[in-house]
Amino acid sequence: MKRLAAIALAAVMMSAAVASTAQAGEWTATNKKYPLTVTGGQTVAFSIVAGPRTITCSTISFEATIKAVSFNLPTTPKFEKCKANGGLGATVLVNGCKFGLTGGALAHGELRIECPFLTSLEIPIYASEFADGEGKAAVCTLKYASQGPEQNITWTNEGFGNATEVKGEVAVKLKYTVAGNEGVCGAAGTGEIKGTTTMTGEVGMGAEGVDIG
């Protein structure tokens, strides 16, 4: 009986370990071809909420290349043609920062902001939505330093074969500071980035499925 109990306990522990590993999630090329370039855009528009300001951009994309199965996907984000609510202008300056995306079951996927030393992702806010930052002085600037991991991304694998892609529903809390007029940007605090992206893969010039599991 003791031997059977020990075997049963070992099976339970092994099962738990496997479940834990699966929950952690790894970015994988479906057909195991590398290096894999993973790109994503906004399938449901992203917004960055910081106090009284909400920033939206007509184009938001993410791109990363991995050479093997990877727990972290270190994407380079790109934000174009942005504006803030209240008729204000906005520009998102990435400044070499990465968005590290990791997997997880349910809403346990994570986002990290990974910036070079003494650097942060910055969002200058301008007095007019028609200002693009060229030669204009910002009224105030939102600053996002390296932080995380912060949870609340739900990843879903969709499709099959070379058409396999990963849908990500994002609603992640992010801390920020404010430089300049707090009457416009509010005080430092915790805001949110939210939206939906679909990540697709490519090897060389050909499509390659990408999944997270």
C-alpha atoms as a PDB file:
ATOM      1  CA  MET A   1       0.000   0.000   0.000  1.00  0.00           C
ATOM      2  CA  LYS A   2       2.809   2.361   0.894  1.00  0.00           C
ATOM      3  CA  ARG A   3       4.454   1.717  -2.488  1.00  0.00           C
ATOM      4  CA  LEU A   4       1.172   2.387  -4.313  1.00  0.00           C
ATOM      5  CA  ALA A   5       0.679   5.587  -2.316  1.00  0.00           C
ATOM      6  CA  ALA A   6       4.210   6.711  -3.186  1.00  0.00           C
ATOM      7  CA  ILE A   7       3.620   5.987  -6.881  1.00  0.00           C
ATOM      8  CA  ALA A   8       0.331   7.898  -6.785  1.00  0.00           C
ATOM      9  CA  LEU A   9       1.978  10.851  -5.051  1.00  0.00           C
ATOM     10  CA  ALA A  10       4.790  10.886  -7.609  1.00  0.00           C
ATOM     11  CA  ALA A  11       2.231  10.860 -10.435  1.00  0.00           C
ATOM     12  CA  VAL A  12       0.361  13.783  -8.893  1.00  0.00           C
ATOM     13  CA  MET A  13       3.606  15.755  -8.473  1.00  0.00           C
ATOM     14  CA  MET A  14       4.654  15.025 -12.056  1.00  0.00           C
ATOM     15  CA  SER A  15       1.223  16.087 -13.315  1.00  0.00           C
ATOM     16  CA  ALA A  16       1.443  19.314 -11.346  1.00  0.00           C
ATOM     17  CA  ALA A  17       4.912  19.997 -12.726  1.00  0.00           C
ATOM     18  CA  VAL A  18       3.709  19.461 -16.283  1.00  0.00           C
ATOM     19  CA  ALA A  19       0.720  21.727 -15.692  1.00  0.00           C
ATOM     20  CA  SER A  20       2.995  24.391 -14.253  1.00  0.00           C
ATOM     21  CA  THR A  21       5.310  24.163 -17.241  1.00  0.00           C
ATOM     22  CA  ALA A  22       2.391  24.423 -19.655  1.00  0.00           C
ATOM     23  CA  GLN A  23       1.001  27.413 -17.799  1.00  0.00           C
ATOM     24  CA  ALA A  24       4.322  29.250 -18.013  1.00  0.00           C
ATOM     25  CA  GLY A  25       4.089  29.277 -21.813  1.00  0.00           C
ATOM     26  CA  GLU A  26       6.790  29.484 -24.448  1.00  0.00           C
ATOM     27  CA  TRP A  27       6.865  31.112 -27.873  1.00  0.00           C
ATOM     28  CA  THR A  28       7.410  28.404 -30.476  1.00  0.00           C
ATOM     29  CA  ALA A  29       7.626  28.130 -34.269  1.00  0.00           C
ATOM     30  CA  THR A  30       4.900  25.640 -35.215  1.00  0.00           C
ATOM     31  CA  ASN A  31       7.175  23.740 -37.609  1.00  0.00           C
ATOM     32  CA  LYS A  32      10.291  24.309 -35.458  1.00  0.00           C
ATOM     33  CA  LYS A  33      11.924  26.588 -38.051  1.00  0.00           C
ATOM     34  CA  TYR A  34      14.137  29.411 -36.780  1.00  0.00           C
ATOM     35  CA  PRO A  35      15.047  32.240 -36.610  1.00  0.00           C
ATOM     36  CA  LEU A  36      11.394  33.189 -36.330  1.00  0.00           C
ATOM     37  CA  THR A  37      10.239  36.772 -36.795  1.00  0.00           C
ATOM     38  CA  VAL A  38       7.022  37.483 -34.896  1.00  0.00           C
ATOM     39  CA  THR A  39       4.954  40.566 -35.698  1.00  0.00           C
ATOM     40  CA  GLY A  40       1.674  41.878 -34.357  1.00  0.00           C
ATOM     41  CA  GLY A  41      -0.697  44.766 -34.953  1.00  0.00           C
ATOM     42  CA  GLN A  42      -3.797  46.052 -33.207  1.00  0.00           C
ATOM     43  CA  THR A  43      -6.878  44.052 -34.137  1.00  0.00           C
ATOM     44  CA  VAL A  44      -8.855  45.887 -31.470  1.00  0.00           C
ATOM     45  CA  ALA A  45      -7.490  49.420 -31.063  1.00  0.00           C
ATOM     46  CA  PHE A  46      -5.030  49.902 -28.212  1.00  0.00           C
ATOM     47  CA  SER A  47      -5.294  52.763 -25.766  1.00  0.00           C
ATOM     48  CA  ILE A  48      -2.877  53.978 -23.122  1.00  0.00           C
ATOM     49  CA  VAL A  49      -4.720  55.431 -20.146  1.00  0.00           C
ATOM     50  CA  ALA A  50      -2.828  57.685 -17.738  1.00  0.00           C
ATOM     51  CA  GLY A  51      -4.886  59.744 -15.304  1.00  0.00           C
ATOM     52  CA  PRO A  52      -7.047  62.191 -17.288  1.00  0.00           C
ATOM     53  CA  ARG A  53      -5.308  61.356 -20.578  1.00  0.00           C
ATOM     54  CA  THR A  54      -6.090  58.539 -23.012  1.00  0.00           C
ATOM     55  CA  ILE A  55      -3.662  58.095 -25.907  1.00  0.00           C
ATOM     56  CA  THR A  56      -4.614  56.262 -29.090  1.00  0.00           C
ATOM     57  CA  CYS A  57      -2.607  55.688 -32.274  1.00  0.00           C
ATOM     58  CA  SER A  58      -3.744  54.810 -35.787  1.00  0.00           C
ATOM     59  CA  THR A  59      -0.941  52.237 -36.018  1.00  0.00           C
ATOM     60  CA  ILE A  60       0.611  50.166 -33.229  1.00  0.00           C
ATOM     61  CA  SER A  61       2.840  47.216 -34.033  1.00  0.00           C
ATOM     62  CA  PHE A  62       5.192  44.826 -32.258  1.00  0.00           C
ATOM     63  CA  GLU A  63       8.107  42.860 -33.734  1.00  0.00           C
ATOM     64  CA  ALA A  64      10.689  40.433 -32.382  1.00  0.00           C
ATOM     65  CA  THR A  65      12.979  37.694 -33.683  1.00  0.00           C
ATOM     66  CA  ILE A  66      13.758  34.554 -31.701  1.00  0.00           C
ATOM     67  CA  LYS A  67      16.377  31.923 -32.584  1.00  0.00           C
ATOM     68  CA  ALA A  68      14.784  29.099 -30.596  1.00  0.00           C
ATOM     69  CA  VAL A  69      11.856  28.349 -28.307  1.00  0.00           C
ATOM     70  CA  SER A  70      11.654  31.348 -25.968  1.00  0.00           C
ATOM     71  CA  PHE A  71       9.838  32.142 -22.728  1.00  0.00           C
ATOM     72  CA  ASN A  72      10.151  35.898 -23.362  1.00  0.00           C
ATOM     73  CA  LEU A  73       9.318  37.621 -26.652  1.00  0.00           C
ATOM     74  CA  PRO A  74      11.326  40.900 -26.585  1.00  0.00           C
ATOM     75  CA  THR A  75       9.254  42.964 -29.013  1.00  0.00           C
ATOM     76  CA  THR A  76      10.097  46.392 -30.372  1.00  0.00           C
ATOM     77  CA  PRO A  77       6.879  48.430 -30.215  1.00  0.00           C
ATOM     78  CA  LYS A  78       6.072  51.099 -32.795  1.00  0.00           C
ATOM     79  CA  PHE A  79       3.423  53.804 -32.388  1.00  0.00           C
ATOM     80  CA  GLU A  80       2.366  56.066 -35.271  1.00  0.00           C
ATOM     81  CA  LYS A  81      -0.076  58.958 -35.740  1.00  0.00           C
ATOM     82  CA  CYS A  82      -1.047  59.299 -32.099  1.00  0.00           C
ATOM     83  CA  LYS A  83      -3.269  61.746 -30.251  1.00  0.00           C
ATOM     84  CA  ALA A  84      -4.668  62.283 -26.776  1.00  0.00           C
ATOM     85  CA  ASN A  85      -8.223  62.937 -25.709  1.00  0.00           C
ATOM     86  CA  GLY A  86      -9.347  66.528 -25.253  1.00  0.00           C
ATOM     87  CA  GLY A  87      -8.076  67.577 -28.688  1.00  0.00           C
ATOM     88  CA  LEU A  88      -4.433  67.178 -27.636  1.00  0.00           C
ATOM     89  CA  GLY A  89      -1.508  65.836 -29.635  1.00  0.00           C
ATOM     90  CA  ALA A  90       0.784  63.000 -28.549  1.00  0.00           C
ATOM     91  CA  THR A  91       3.918  61.233 -29.712  1.00  0.00           C
ATOM     92  CA  VAL A  92       5.182  57.936 -28.305  1.00  0.00           C
ATOM     93  CA  LEU A  93       8.985  57.899 -28.060  1.00  0.00           C
ATOM     94  CA  VAL A  94      10.126  54.315 -27.551  1.00  0.00           C
ATOM     95  CA  ASN A  95      13.784  55.291 -26.901  1.00  0.00           C
ATOM     96  CA  GLY A  96      15.094  51.764 -27.342  1.00  0.00           C
ATOM     97  CA  CYS A  97      12.624  50.213 -24.879  1.00  0.00           C
ATOM     98  CA  LYS A  98      11.235  46.732 -25.488  1.00  0.00           C
ATOM     99  CA  PHE A  99       7.898  45.195 -24.573  1.00  0.00           C
ATOM    100  CA  GLY A 100       8.752  41.744 -23.225  1.00  0.00           C
ATOM    101  CA  LEU A 101       5.766  39.433 -23.693  1.00  0.00           C
ATOM    102  CA  THR A 102       5.495  36.131 -21.839  1.00  0.00           C
ATOM    103  CA  GLY A 103       2.892  33.389 -21.869  1.00  0.00           C
ATOM    104  CA  GLY A 104       0.556  32.015 -19.293  1.00  0.00           C
ATOM    105  CA  ALA A 105      -2.839  30.383 -18.847  1.00  0.00           C
ATOM    106  CA  LEU A 106      -6.034  32.426 -18.539  1.00  0.00           C
ATOM    107  CA  ALA A 107      -5.072  36.093 -17.980  1.00  0.00           C
ATOM    108  CA  HIS A 108      -1.605  35.248 -16.648  1.00  0.00           C
ATOM    109  CA  GLY A 109       0.343  36.391 -19.689  1.00  0.00           C
ATOM    110  CA  GLU A 110       2.748  39.167 -18.743  1.00  0.00           C
ATOM    111  CA  LEU A 111       4.218  42.374 -20.121  1.00  0.00           C
ATOM    112  CA  ARG A 112       7.538  43.879 -19.134  1.00  0.00           C
ATOM    113  CA  ILE A 113       8.879  47.262 -20.176  1.00  0.00           C
ATOM    114  CA  GLU A 114      12.626  46.768 -20.677  1.00  0.00           C
ATOM    115  CA  CYS A 115      14.509  50.024 -21.281  1.00  0.00           C
ATOM    116  CA  PRO A 116      18.210  50.842 -21.630  1.00  0.00           C
ATOM    117  CA  PHE A 117      19.900  52.182 -18.479  1.00  0.00           C
ATOM    118  CA  LEU A 118      18.553  55.606 -17.381  1.00  0.00           C
ATOM    119  CA  THR A 119      16.044  55.612 -20.247  1.00  0.00           C
ATOM    120  CA  SER A 120      12.262  55.432 -20.333  1.00  0.00           C
ATOM    121  CA  LEU A 121       9.469  55.247 -22.861  1.00  0.00           C
ATOM    122  CA  GLU A 122       8.050  58.773 -23.104  1.00  0.00           C
ATOM    123  CA  ILE A 123       4.770  60.238 -24.338  1.00  0.00           C
ATOM    124  CA  PRO A 124       4.951  64.026 -24.829  1.00  0.00           C
ATOM    125  CA  ILE A 125       1.520  65.676 -24.855  1.00  0.00           C
ATOM    126  CA  TYR A 126       0.986  68.738 -27.072  1.00  0.00           C
ATOM    127  CA  ALA A 127      -1.569  71.543 -26.988  1.00  0.00           C
ATOM    128  CA  SER A 128      -3.026  70.534 -30.372  1.00  0.00           C
ATOM    129  CA  GLU A 129      -3.820  67.119 -31.856  1.00  0.00           C
ATOM    130  CA  PHE A 130      -2.311  68.384 -35.107  1.00  0.00           C
ATOM    131  CA  ALA A 131       1.117  68.817 -33.510  1.00  0.00           C
ATOM    132  CA  ASP A 132       3.481  65.928 -34.291  1.00  0.00           C
ATOM    133  CA  GLY A 133       6.272  67.026 -32.007  1.00  0.00           C
ATOM    134  CA  GLU A 134       8.397  68.646 -34.708  1.00  0.00           C
ATOM    135  CA  GLY A 135       9.544  71.963 -33.277  1.00  0.00           C
ATOM    136  CA  LYS A 136       6.767  71.924 -30.689  1.00  0.00           C
ATOM    137  CA  ALA A 137       7.139  72.148 -26.930  1.00  0.00           C
ATOM    138  CA  ALA A 138       5.297  69.513 -24.954  1.00  0.00           C
ATOM    139  CA  VAL A 139       2.799  70.672 -22.343  1.00  0.00           C
ATOM    140  CA  CYS A 140       3.698  67.635 -20.244  1.00  0.00           C
ATOM    141  CA  THR A 141       5.305  64.219 -20.695  1.00  0.00           C
ATOM    142  CA  LEU A 142       4.306  60.783 -19.420  1.00  0.00           C
ATOM    143  CA  LYS A 143       7.323  58.589 -18.626  1.00  0.00           C
ATOM    144  CA  TYR A 144       7.338  54.778 -18.331  1.00  0.00           C
ATOM    145  CA  ALA A 145      10.538  53.342 -16.854  1.00  0.00           C
ATOM    146  CA  SER A 146      11.504  49.645 -16.892  1.00  0.00           C
ATOM    147  CA  GLN A 147       8.942  47.662 -14.921  1.00  0.00           C
ATOM    148  CA  GLY A 148       7.097  44.397 -14.620  1.00  0.00           C
ATOM    149  CA  PRO A 149       6.290  41.693 -15.176  1.00  0.00           C
ATOM    150  CA  GLU A 150       2.674  42.836 -15.018  1.00  0.00           C
ATOM    151  CA  GLN A 151      -0.074  40.271 -15.609  1.00  0.00           C
ATOM    152  CA  ASN A 152      -3.379  40.337 -17.463  1.00  0.00           C
ATOM    153  CA  ILE A 153      -2.770  39.223 -21.031  1.00  0.00           C
ATOM    154  CA  THR A 154      -4.930  36.358 -22.302  1.00  0.00           C
ATOM    155  CA  TRP A 155      -3.211  34.444 -25.127  1.00  0.00           C
ATOM    156  CA  THR A 156      -5.121  32.164 -27.508  1.00  0.00           C
ATOM    157  CA  ASN A 157      -3.626  29.999 -30.274  1.00  0.00           C
ATOM    158  CA  GLU A 158      -5.689  30.149 -33.463  1.00  0.00           C
ATOM    159  CA  GLY A 159      -5.454  28.435 -36.882  1.00  0.00           C
ATOM    160  CA  PHE A 160      -3.128  25.544 -37.791  1.00  0.00           C
ATOM    161  CA  GLY A 161       0.118  24.799 -39.616  1.00  0.00           C
ATOM    162  CA  ASN A 162       1.846  27.786 -41.188  1.00  0.00           C
ATOM    163  CA  ALA A 163      -1.290  29.823 -40.485  1.00  0.00           C
ATOM    164  CA  THR A 164      -1.122  29.332 -36.704  1.00  0.00           C
ATOM    165  CA  GLU A 165      -1.202  32.684 -34.933  1.00  0.00           C
ATOM    166  CA  VAL A 166      -1.556  33.975 -31.397  1.00  0.00           C
ATOM    167  CA  LYS A 167      -4.288  36.359 -30.285  1.00  0.00           C
ATOM    168  CA  GLY A 168      -3.517  38.481 -27.242  1.00  0.00           C
ATOM    169  CA  GLU A 169      -6.111  40.399 -25.226  1.00  0.00           C
ATOM    170  CA  VAL A 170      -4.183  42.968 -23.201  1.00  0.00           C
ATOM    171  CA  ALA A 171      -5.299  44.922 -20.123  1.00  0.00           C
ATOM    172  CA  VAL A 172      -2.073  45.581 -18.206  1.00  0.00           C
ATOM    173  CA  LYS A 173      -1.462  48.115 -15.442  1.00  0.00           C
ATOM    174  CA  LEU A 174       1.637  50.318 -15.883  1.00  0.00           C
ATOM    175  CA  LYS A 175       3.260  52.850 -13.561  1.00  0.00           C
ATOM    176  CA  TYR A 176       4.281  56.241 -14.918  1.00  0.00           C
ATOM    177  CA  THR A 177       5.684  59.585 -13.811  1.00  0.00           C
ATOM    178  CA  VAL A 178       4.847  63.050 -15.134  1.00  0.00           C
ATOM    179  CA  ALA A 179       7.113  65.912 -16.175  1.00  0.00           C
ATOM    180  CA  GLY A 180       5.584  69.313 -16.839  1.00  0.00           C
ATOM    181  CA  ASN A 181       2.032  70.571 -16.418  1.00  0.00           C
ATOM    182  CA  GLU A 182       0.145  68.227 -14.093  1.00  0.00           C
ATOM    183  CA  GLY A 183      -3.010  70.207 -14.766  1.00  0.00           C
ATOM    184  CA  VAL A 184      -3.031  68.567 -18.209  1.00  0.00           C
ATOM    185  CA  CYS A 185      -1.414  65.167 -17.522  1.00  0.00           C
ATOM    186  CA  GLY A 186      -2.378  64.711 -13.889  1.00  0.00           C
ATOM    187  CA  ALA A 187      -0.022  63.395 -11.231  1.00  0.00           C
ATOM    188  CA  ALA A 188       2.187  60.306 -11.403  1.00  0.00           C
ATOM    189  CA  GLY A 189       0.310  57.082 -10.882  1.00  0.00           C
ATOM    190  CA  THR A 190      -0.721  53.741 -12.339  1.00  0.00           C
ATOM    191  CA  GLY A 191      -2.474  53.625 -15.685  1.00  0.00           C
ATOM    192  CA  GLU A 192      -3.250  50.912 -18.204  1.00  0.00           C
ATOM    193  CA  ILE A 193      -2.512  49.758 -21.717  1.00  0.00           C
ATOM    194  CA  LYS A 194      -5.320  47.766 -23.286  1.00  0.00           C
ATOM    195  CA  GLY A 195      -6.307  46.382 -26.664  1.00  0.00           C
ATOM    196  CA  THR A 196      -6.041  43.215 -28.752  1.00  0.00           C
ATOM    197  CA  THR A 197      -3.193  42.073 -30.992  1.00  0.00           C
ATOM    198  CA  THR A 198      -2.691  39.101 -33.305  1.00  0.00           C
ATOM    199  CA  MET A 199       0.887  37.792 -33.540  1.00  0.00           C
ATOM    200  CA  THR A 200       1.975  36.065 -36.764  1.00  0.00           C
ATOM    201  CA  GLY A 201       5.262  34.402 -37.752  1.00  0.00           C
ATOM    202  CA  GLU A 202       7.679  34.430 -40.677  1.00  0.00           C
ATOM    203  CA  VAL A 203      10.915  32.629 -41.512  1.00  0.00           C
ATOM    204  CA  GLY A 204      12.871  34.279 -44.288  1.00  0.00           C
ATOM    205  CA  MET A 205      10.300  35.250 -46.915  1.00  0.00           C
ATOM    206  CA  GLY A 206       7.831  32.504 -45.995  1.00  0.00           C
ATOM    207  CA  ALA A 207       5.020  32.226 -43.495  1.00  0.00           C
ATOM    208  CA  GLU A 208       5.607  30.119 -40.381  1.00  0.00           C
ATOM    209  CA  GLY A 209       3.104  29.405 -37.658  1.00  0.00           C
ATOM    210  CA  VAL A 210       3.721  30.744 -34.167  1.00  0.00           C
ATOM    211  CA  ASP A 211       2.115  29.454 -31.005  1.00  0.00           C
ATOM    212  CA  ILE A 212       2.404  29.843 -27.273  1.00  0.00           C
ATOM    213  CA  GLY A 213       1.827  26.921 -24.957  1.00  0.00           C
END
